[in-house]
Amino acid sequence: MRRITVDDLVQAVTELSQGSDLPVPAAPHVFDWCDAHGIDTQGPRGNRRALQDASNQEARGQHRLLKFRRVTAGNPGVGFALVVNGDRVRPRASAEGWCELNWNGRSW
């Protein structure tokens, strides 16, 4: 099984967003997509660090994704959306309890 790449993450978010009711595909949806495609999101320590690494690399590079954190109690998590869909996604994501994270050049 190969480790998740930046392009894999963008592809997962793209596919999960198309024709879907998910304004912000959450990390578990990305994990499921990767599992179905034989892509490792665990990394060597087995703590899903590989997905975080891919997210950080994407932000340092082409920056095609927005990253969100769930702010509602009892349902924490992170999710992603395509930058090109930002104007459409942001209001709905906010209404569903997602808060957009901003990249400061080193971290979210």
Protein backbone atom coordinates (compact mmCIF):
# COMPACT_ATOMS: atom_id res chain seq x y z
CA MET A 1 0.00 0.00 0.00
CA ARG A 2 1.43 3.39 -0.94
CA ARG A 3 1.34 6.39 1.35
CA ILE A 4 -1.10 9.23 0.63
CA THR A 5 0.24 12.06 -1.49
CA VAL A 6 -0.93 15.63 -1.93
CA ASP A 7 -2.53 14.70 -5.25
CA ASP A 8 -4.35 11.77 -3.62
CA LEU A 9 -5.81 14.11 -0.98
CA VAL A 10 -6.99 16.59 -3.60
CA GLN A 11 -8.45 13.77 -5.70
CA ALA A 12 -10.31 12.36 -2.68
CA VAL A 13 -11.80 15.74 -1.79
CA THR A 14 -12.70 16.39 -5.43
CA GLU A 15 -14.50 13.06 -5.82
CA LEU A 16 -16.21 13.26 -2.43
CA SER A 17 -17.45 16.79 -3.21
CA GLN A 18 -18.90 16.04 -6.66
CA GLY A 19 -22.62 15.44 -6.65
CA SER A 20 -22.54 15.08 -2.90
CA ASP A 21 -24.43 16.61 -0.04
CA LEU A 22 -21.13 16.99 1.82
CA PRO A 23 -20.07 20.63 1.81
CA VAL A 24 -16.93 19.66 3.71
CA PRO A 25 -15.83 16.01 3.38
CA ALA A 26 -14.55 15.11 6.85
CA ALA A 27 -11.35 13.19 7.49
CA PRO A 28 -13.22 9.87 8.02
CA HIS A 29 -14.67 10.21 4.50
CA VAL A 30 -11.16 10.80 3.14
CA PHE A 31 -9.89 7.77 5.12
CA ASP A 32 -12.63 5.60 3.60
CA TRP A 33 -11.87 6.87 0.09
CA CYS A 34 -8.17 6.13 0.57
CA ASP A 35 -8.86 2.66 1.96
CA ALA A 36 -11.03 1.90 -1.09
CA HIS A 37 -8.16 2.99 -3.35
CA GLY A 38 -5.39 1.15 -1.48
CA ILE A 39 -3.80 4.31 -0.11
CA ASP A 40 -2.21 4.44 3.36
CA THR A 41 -3.27 7.36 5.55
CA GLN A 42 -1.67 5.99 8.70
CA GLY A 43 2.01 6.55 8.09
CA PRO A 44 4.77 4.74 9.94
CA ARG A 45 3.49 5.55 13.43
CA GLY A 46 -0.07 4.46 12.68
CA ASN A 47 -1.69 7.69 13.88
CA ARG A 48 -3.12 9.14 10.65
CA ARG A 49 -0.15 11.50 10.52
CA ALA A 50 0.22 10.84 6.78
CA LEU A 51 -3.05 12.68 6.07
CA GLN A 52 -1.91 15.67 8.12
CA ASP A 53 1.44 15.67 6.33
CA ALA A 54 -0.32 15.65 2.93
CA SER A 55 -2.57 18.50 4.05
CA ASN A 56 0.43 20.57 5.15
CA GLN A 57 2.31 19.86 1.92
CA GLU A 58 -0.73 20.94 -0.09
CA ALA A 59 -0.94 24.24 1.82
CA ARG A 60 2.76 24.89 1.21
CA GLY A 61 2.39 24.07 -2.49
CA GLN A 62 -0.48 24.69 -4.86
CA HIS A 63 -3.02 25.40 -2.09
CA ARG A 64 -5.99 23.81 -3.82
CA LEU A 65 -7.77 22.92 -0.55
CA LEU A 66 -9.43 24.75 2.29
CA LYS A 67 -9.23 23.11 5.70
CA PHE A 68 -11.97 23.26 8.32
CA ARG A 69 -12.33 22.20 11.96
CA ARG A 70 -15.63 21.15 13.42
CA VAL A 71 -16.51 23.46 16.28
CA THR A 72 -19.67 21.77 17.53
CA ALA A 73 -19.40 19.96 20.83
CA GLY A 74 -19.33 16.19 20.69
CA ASN A 75 -18.49 16.03 16.99
CA PRO A 76 -14.91 17.23 16.55
CA GLY A 77 -12.87 16.69 13.45
CA VAL A 78 -11.30 18.21 10.38
CA GLY A 79 -12.57 18.44 6.85
CA PHE A 80 -11.56 19.79 3.48
CA ALA A 81 -13.08 21.63 0.53
CA LEU A 82 -11.74 22.78 -2.81
CA VAL A 83 -10.61 26.41 -2.95
CA VAL A 84 -12.53 26.87 -6.21
CA ASN A 85 -15.75 26.00 -4.33
CA GLY A 86 -14.94 28.27 -1.40
CA ASP A 87 -17.63 30.92 -1.94
CA ARG A 88 -20.30 28.23 -2.17
CA VAL A 89 -18.97 26.04 0.63
CA ARG A 90 -18.09 28.56 3.35
CA PRO A 91 -21.65 29.68 4.31
CA ARG A 92 -23.00 26.15 4.38
CA ALA A 93 -19.99 24.81 6.26
CA SER A 94 -20.37 27.55 8.86
CA ALA A 95 -24.04 26.72 9.29
CA GLU A 96 -23.10 23.08 9.86
CA GLY A 97 -20.56 23.90 12.58
CA TRP A 98 -17.34 24.06 10.57
CA CYS A 99 -14.77 26.81 11.16
CA GLU A 100 -12.27 27.54 8.40
CA LEU A 101 -8.61 27.22 9.40
CA ASN A 102 -6.05 29.57 7.95
CA TRP A 103 -2.56 28.58 6.85
CA ASN A 104 0.08 30.91 8.28
CA GLY A 105 2.91 29.65 6.11
CA ARG A 106 4.04 26.99 8.60
CA SER A 107 0.93 25.50 10.16
CA TRP A 108 -2.85 25.64 10.26
